[in-house]
Amino acid sequence: MLVWLLLACHTKDLAGCATLGDPIAREECRYDFIKPLLADEAAFKAAIDSMTDAPSRDLVLLRLAVDNPERAQSLCGLVRLPATREKCDKVIGRPHIAGPRPSP
């Protein structure tokens, strides 16, 4: 397992992540690859759109929404699966998870 984690740290693209045999390492690799792309809208969209595995794609988006509550609304808008949409709605609907909300 340590070998897979080391390989995940050195993967330079999403295709390399897909070659990892350990599913946890594979998902960590995908998340670690996409997370820095949030700063570049075009690169982020291209990376997300290139992911053909819908559950994996949605998992990345959900994790990003939790880690970036100020962007949770837009990130959750990109999820495709109903179960993930439900989880995202919970993240958005919980102020302590989704960040500060404006006062009425």
N, C-alpha and C. Protein backbone atom coordinates (compact mmCIF):
# COMPACT_ATOMS: atom_id res chain seq x y z
N MET A 1 0.82 -1.19 0.00
CA MET A 1 0.00 0.00 0.00
C MET A 1 0.87 1.26 0.00
N LEU A 2 1.96 1.24 0.69
CA LEU A 2 2.86 2.39 0.73
C LEU A 2 3.35 2.74 -0.66
N VAL A 3 3.62 1.74 -1.47
CA VAL A 3 4.08 1.98 -2.84
C VAL A 3 3.02 2.74 -3.62
N TRP A 4 1.75 2.36 -3.46
CA TRP A 4 0.68 3.05 -4.18
C TRP A 4 0.57 4.49 -3.74
N LEU A 5 0.71 4.73 -2.45
CA LEU A 5 0.64 6.10 -1.96
C LEU A 5 1.79 6.94 -2.49
N LEU A 6 2.97 6.36 -2.56
CA LEU A 6 4.11 7.09 -3.11
C LEU A 6 3.90 7.40 -4.59
N LEU A 7 3.34 6.43 -5.32
CA LEU A 7 3.05 6.67 -6.73
C LEU A 7 1.99 7.76 -6.89
N ALA A 8 1.01 7.77 -6.01
CA ALA A 8 -0.04 8.78 -6.09
C ALA A 8 0.53 10.18 -5.95
N CYS A 9 1.54 10.32 -5.12
CA CYS A 9 2.15 11.64 -4.91
C CYS A 9 2.91 12.12 -6.14
N HIS A 10 3.31 11.21 -7.00
CA HIS A 10 4.13 11.58 -8.15
C HIS A 10 3.36 11.56 -9.47
N THR A 11 2.08 11.29 -9.41
CA THR A 11 1.27 11.26 -10.62
C THR A 11 1.02 12.69 -11.09
N LYS A 12 1.20 12.92 -12.39
CA LYS A 12 1.09 14.27 -12.92
C LYS A 12 -0.21 14.52 -13.68
N ASP A 13 -1.05 13.49 -13.81
CA ASP A 13 -2.32 13.69 -14.50
C ASP A 13 -3.36 12.69 -14.00
N LEU A 14 -4.59 12.92 -14.39
CA LEU A 14 -5.67 12.05 -13.95
C LEU A 14 -5.55 10.65 -14.52
N ALA A 15 -5.00 10.52 -15.72
CA ALA A 15 -4.83 9.19 -16.31
C ALA A 15 -3.89 8.35 -15.45
N GLY A 16 -2.87 8.98 -14.91
CA GLY A 16 -1.96 8.27 -14.01
C GLY A 16 -2.65 7.81 -12.75
N CYS A 17 -3.59 8.61 -12.26
CA CYS A 17 -4.34 8.22 -11.06
C CYS A 17 -5.14 6.95 -11.32
N ALA A 18 -5.70 6.84 -12.51
CA ALA A 18 -6.54 5.68 -12.85
C ALA A 18 -5.75 4.38 -12.84
N THR A 19 -4.44 4.46 -12.95
CA THR A 19 -3.63 3.24 -12.97
C THR A 19 -3.35 2.70 -11.58
N LEU A 20 -3.66 3.47 -10.55
CA LEU A 20 -3.42 3.02 -9.19
C LEU A 20 -4.40 1.92 -8.82
N GLY A 21 -3.91 0.84 -8.27
CA GLY A 21 -4.75 -0.30 -7.93
C GLY A 21 -5.56 -0.11 -6.67
N ASP A 22 -5.02 0.62 -5.72
CA ASP A 22 -5.72 0.84 -4.46
C ASP A 22 -6.77 1.93 -4.65
N PRO A 23 -8.05 1.64 -4.41
CA PRO A 23 -9.09 2.64 -4.67
C PRO A 23 -8.96 3.90 -3.83
N ILE A 24 -8.50 3.77 -2.61
CA ILE A 24 -8.33 4.96 -1.77
C ILE A 24 -7.21 5.84 -2.32
N ALA A 25 -6.11 5.23 -2.69
CA ALA A 25 -4.99 5.98 -3.27
C ALA A 25 -5.41 6.63 -4.58
N ARG A 26 -6.23 5.92 -5.37
CA ARG A 26 -6.70 6.45 -6.65
C ARG A 26 -7.55 7.70 -6.43
N GLU A 27 -8.46 7.66 -5.47
CA GLU A 27 -9.32 8.82 -5.21
C GLU A 27 -8.53 9.97 -4.61
N GLU A 28 -7.59 9.67 -3.73
CA GLU A 28 -6.72 10.72 -3.17
C GLU A 28 -5.91 11.39 -4.27
N CYS A 29 -5.42 10.59 -5.19
CA CYS A 29 -4.63 11.11 -6.31
C CYS A 29 -5.48 12.06 -7.16
N ARG A 30 -6.69 11.65 -7.47
CA ARG A 30 -7.58 12.50 -8.27
C ARG A 30 -7.87 13.81 -7.55
N TYR A 31 -8.18 13.72 -6.28
CA TYR A 31 -8.47 14.92 -5.49
C TYR A 31 -7.24 15.83 -5.43
N ASP A 32 -6.08 15.25 -5.15
CA ASP A 32 -4.85 16.04 -5.05
C ASP A 32 -4.48 16.69 -6.38
N PHE A 33 -4.83 16.04 -7.48
CA PHE A 33 -4.53 16.61 -8.79
C PHE A 33 -5.47 17.79 -9.10
N ILE A 34 -6.75 17.63 -8.78
CA ILE A 34 -7.75 18.63 -9.16
C ILE A 34 -7.80 19.82 -8.21
N LYS A 35 -7.54 19.60 -6.93
CA LYS A 35 -7.67 20.66 -5.93
C LYS A 35 -6.94 21.95 -6.31
N PRO A 36 -5.67 21.91 -6.72
CA PRO A 36 -4.99 23.16 -7.06
C PRO A 36 -5.56 23.85 -8.30
N LEU A 37 -6.31 23.11 -9.10
CA LEU A 37 -6.86 23.68 -10.33
C LEU A 37 -8.05 24.61 -10.06
N LEU A 38 -8.53 24.65 -8.84
CA LEU A 38 -9.64 25.55 -8.51
C LEU A 38 -9.30 27.00 -8.83
N ALA A 39 -8.04 27.34 -8.78
CA ALA A 39 -7.61 28.71 -9.06
C ALA A 39 -7.68 29.06 -10.55
N ASP A 40 -7.75 28.06 -11.41
CA ASP A 40 -7.80 28.26 -12.86
C ASP A 40 -9.09 27.62 -13.38
N GLU A 41 -10.11 28.44 -13.58
CA GLU A 41 -11.44 27.95 -13.95
C GLU A 41 -11.42 27.03 -15.17
N ALA A 42 -10.70 27.42 -16.21
CA ALA A 42 -10.66 26.62 -17.44
C ALA A 42 -10.00 25.27 -17.20
N ALA A 43 -8.88 25.26 -16.50
CA ALA A 43 -8.18 23.99 -16.22
C ALA A 43 -9.02 23.11 -15.31
N PHE A 44 -9.68 23.72 -14.33
CA PHE A 44 -10.53 22.96 -13.43
C PHE A 44 -11.67 22.31 -14.20
N LYS A 45 -12.36 23.09 -15.03
CA LYS A 45 -13.48 22.55 -15.81
C LYS A 45 -13.02 21.44 -16.74
N ALA A 46 -11.88 21.63 -17.38
CA ALA A 46 -11.36 20.60 -18.29
C ALA A 46 -11.06 19.31 -17.53
N ALA A 47 -10.46 19.43 -16.36
CA ALA A 47 -10.14 18.24 -15.57
C ALA A 47 -11.39 17.52 -15.11
N ILE A 48 -12.35 18.26 -14.60
CA ILE A 48 -13.60 17.66 -14.13
C ILE A 48 -14.34 17.01 -15.30
N ASP A 49 -14.41 17.70 -16.43
CA ASP A 49 -15.10 17.16 -17.60
C ASP A 49 -14.41 15.92 -18.16
N SER A 50 -13.12 15.79 -17.92
CA SER A 50 -12.39 14.63 -18.45
C SER A 50 -12.62 13.36 -17.62
N MET A 51 -13.19 13.52 -16.44
CA MET A 51 -13.43 12.37 -15.58
C MET A 51 -14.68 11.63 -16.06
N THR A 52 -14.50 10.39 -16.51
CA THR A 52 -15.62 9.61 -17.04
C THR A 52 -16.30 8.78 -15.96
N ASP A 53 -15.65 8.58 -14.83
CA ASP A 53 -16.21 7.81 -13.73
C ASP A 53 -17.05 8.76 -12.87
N ALA A 54 -18.39 8.73 -13.07
CA ALA A 54 -19.28 9.69 -12.40
C ALA A 54 -19.17 9.65 -10.87
N PRO A 55 -19.14 8.47 -10.22
CA PRO A 55 -19.01 8.49 -8.76
C PRO A 55 -17.70 9.13 -8.29
N SER A 56 -16.63 8.88 -8.98
CA SER A 56 -15.35 9.47 -8.62
C SER A 56 -15.38 10.98 -8.82
N ARG A 57 -15.93 11.40 -9.93
CA ARG A 57 -16.06 12.83 -10.24
C ARG A 57 -16.86 13.53 -9.16
N ASP A 58 -17.99 12.94 -8.81
CA ASP A 58 -18.84 13.55 -7.79
C ASP A 58 -18.18 13.55 -6.42
N LEU A 59 -17.41 12.52 -6.13
CA LEU A 59 -16.69 12.47 -4.85
C LEU A 59 -15.69 13.62 -4.77
N VAL A 60 -14.98 13.86 -5.84
CA VAL A 60 -14.02 14.98 -5.87
C VAL A 60 -14.76 16.30 -5.65
N LEU A 61 -15.87 16.48 -6.35
CA LEU A 61 -16.63 17.73 -6.22
C LEU A 61 -17.18 17.90 -4.81
N LEU A 62 -17.67 16.83 -4.21
CA LEU A 62 -18.19 16.91 -2.85
C LEU A 62 -17.09 17.27 -1.86
N ARG A 63 -15.94 16.62 -1.99
CA ARG A 63 -14.82 16.93 -1.10
C ARG A 63 -14.36 18.37 -1.27
N LEU A 64 -14.32 18.84 -2.50
CA LEU A 64 -13.94 20.23 -2.74
C LEU A 64 -14.96 21.19 -2.14
N ALA A 65 -16.24 20.85 -2.21
CA ALA A 65 -17.29 21.69 -1.63
C ALA A 65 -17.14 21.78 -0.12
N VAL A 66 -16.81 20.68 0.52
CA VAL A 66 -16.61 20.69 1.97
C VAL A 66 -15.38 21.51 2.33
N ASP A 67 -14.31 21.35 1.56
CA ASP A 67 -13.06 22.07 1.85
C ASP A 67 -13.10 23.55 1.45
N ASN A 68 -14.01 23.90 0.56
CA ASN A 68 -14.11 25.27 0.05
C ASN A 68 -15.55 25.74 0.16
N PRO A 69 -16.03 25.98 1.38
CA PRO A 69 -17.45 26.29 1.56
C PRO A 69 -17.91 27.53 0.79
N GLU A 70 -17.00 28.44 0.53
CA GLU A 70 -17.39 29.63 -0.22
C GLU A 70 -17.73 29.30 -1.67
N ARG A 71 -17.32 28.15 -2.14
CA ARG A 71 -17.60 27.72 -3.52
C ARG A 71 -18.52 26.52 -3.57
N ALA A 72 -19.05 26.11 -2.41
CA ALA A 72 -19.85 24.89 -2.33
C ALA A 72 -21.05 24.93 -3.29
N GLN A 73 -21.71 26.05 -3.37
CA GLN A 73 -22.90 26.15 -4.22
C GLN A 73 -22.56 25.83 -5.68
N SER A 74 -21.50 26.43 -6.20
CA SER A 74 -21.15 26.19 -7.60
C SER A 74 -20.59 24.79 -7.81
N LEU A 75 -19.81 24.30 -6.86
CA LEU A 75 -19.25 22.95 -6.99
C LEU A 75 -20.36 21.90 -6.94
N CYS A 76 -21.29 22.07 -6.03
CA CYS A 76 -22.39 21.12 -5.92
C CYS A 76 -23.30 21.18 -7.16
N GLY A 77 -23.32 22.30 -7.83
CA GLY A 77 -24.09 22.41 -9.06
C GLY A 77 -23.55 21.54 -10.18
N LEU A 78 -22.33 21.06 -10.04
CA LEU A 78 -21.71 20.24 -11.08
C LEU A 78 -21.90 18.74 -10.87
N VAL A 79 -22.38 18.33 -9.70
CA VAL A 79 -22.53 16.89 -9.44
C VAL A 79 -23.63 16.31 -10.31
N ARG A 80 -23.53 15.02 -10.60
CA ARG A 80 -24.47 14.37 -11.51
C ARG A 80 -25.37 13.34 -10.83
N LEU A 81 -24.88 12.68 -9.83
CA LEU A 81 -25.63 11.58 -9.22
C LEU A 81 -26.54 12.08 -8.10
N PRO A 82 -27.76 11.54 -8.03
CA PRO A 82 -28.71 11.99 -7.00
C PRO A 82 -28.18 11.85 -5.57
N ALA A 83 -27.48 10.78 -5.27
CA ALA A 83 -26.95 10.58 -3.91
C ALA A 83 -25.94 11.67 -3.55
N THR A 84 -25.12 12.04 -4.50
CA THR A 84 -24.14 13.09 -4.26
C THR A 84 -24.83 14.44 -4.14
N ARG A 85 -25.83 14.66 -4.95
CA ARG A 85 -26.60 15.92 -4.88
C ARG A 85 -27.19 16.07 -3.48
N GLU A 86 -27.71 14.99 -2.95
CA GLU A 86 -28.29 15.01 -1.60
C GLU A 86 -27.23 15.37 -0.55
N LYS A 87 -26.06 14.77 -0.67
CA LYS A 87 -24.96 15.08 0.27
C LYS A 87 -24.55 16.54 0.13
N CYS A 88 -24.45 17.02 -1.10
CA CYS A 88 -24.06 18.41 -1.33
C CYS A 88 -25.09 19.37 -0.74
N ASP A 89 -26.36 19.04 -0.90
CA ASP A 89 -27.40 19.89 -0.33
C ASP A 89 -27.26 19.98 1.18
N LYS A 90 -26.84 18.90 1.80
CA LYS A 90 -26.62 18.93 3.25
C LYS A 90 -25.43 19.83 3.60
N VAL A 91 -24.39 19.77 2.81
CA VAL A 91 -23.22 20.63 3.05
C VAL A 91 -23.61 22.09 2.92
N ILE A 92 -24.35 22.41 1.87
CA ILE A 92 -24.76 23.79 1.64
C ILE A 92 -25.73 24.26 2.72
N GLY A 93 -26.58 23.36 3.18
CA GLY A 93 -27.61 23.72 4.15
C GLY A 93 -27.14 23.79 5.59
N ARG A 94 -25.90 23.42 5.86
CA ARG A 94 -25.40 23.45 7.23
C ARG A 94 -24.38 24.57 7.36
N PRO A 95 -24.73 25.64 8.03
CA PRO A 95 -23.86 26.82 8.10
C PRO A 95 -22.46 26.52 8.65
N HIS A 96 -22.35 25.62 9.59
CA HIS A 96 -21.02 25.34 10.15
C HIS A 96 -20.15 24.54 9.18
N ILE A 97 -20.77 23.94 8.17
CA ILE A 97 -20.00 23.22 7.15
C ILE A 97 -19.82 24.10 5.92
N ALA A 98 -20.87 24.78 5.52
CA ALA A 98 -20.85 25.53 4.26
C ALA A 98 -20.35 26.96 4.42
N GLY A 99 -19.85 27.31 5.57
CA GLY A 99 -19.29 28.64 5.74
C GLY A 99 -20.33 29.66 6.18
N PRO A 100 -19.89 30.89 6.40
CA PRO A 100 -20.80 31.92 6.90
C PRO A 100 -21.84 32.32 5.87
N ARG A 101 -23.02 32.61 6.36
CA ARG A 101 -24.10 33.07 5.49
C ARG A 101 -24.44 34.51 5.87
N PRO A 102 -24.89 35.28 4.90
CA PRO A 102 -25.25 36.67 5.21
C PRO A 102 -26.45 36.71 6.15
N SER A 103 -26.48 37.72 6.99
CA SER A 103 -27.61 37.91 7.91
C SER A 103 -28.82 38.42 7.15
N PRO A 104 -30.03 37.99 7.58
CA PRO A 104 -31.24 38.47 6.88
C PRO A 104 -31.54 39.92 7.18
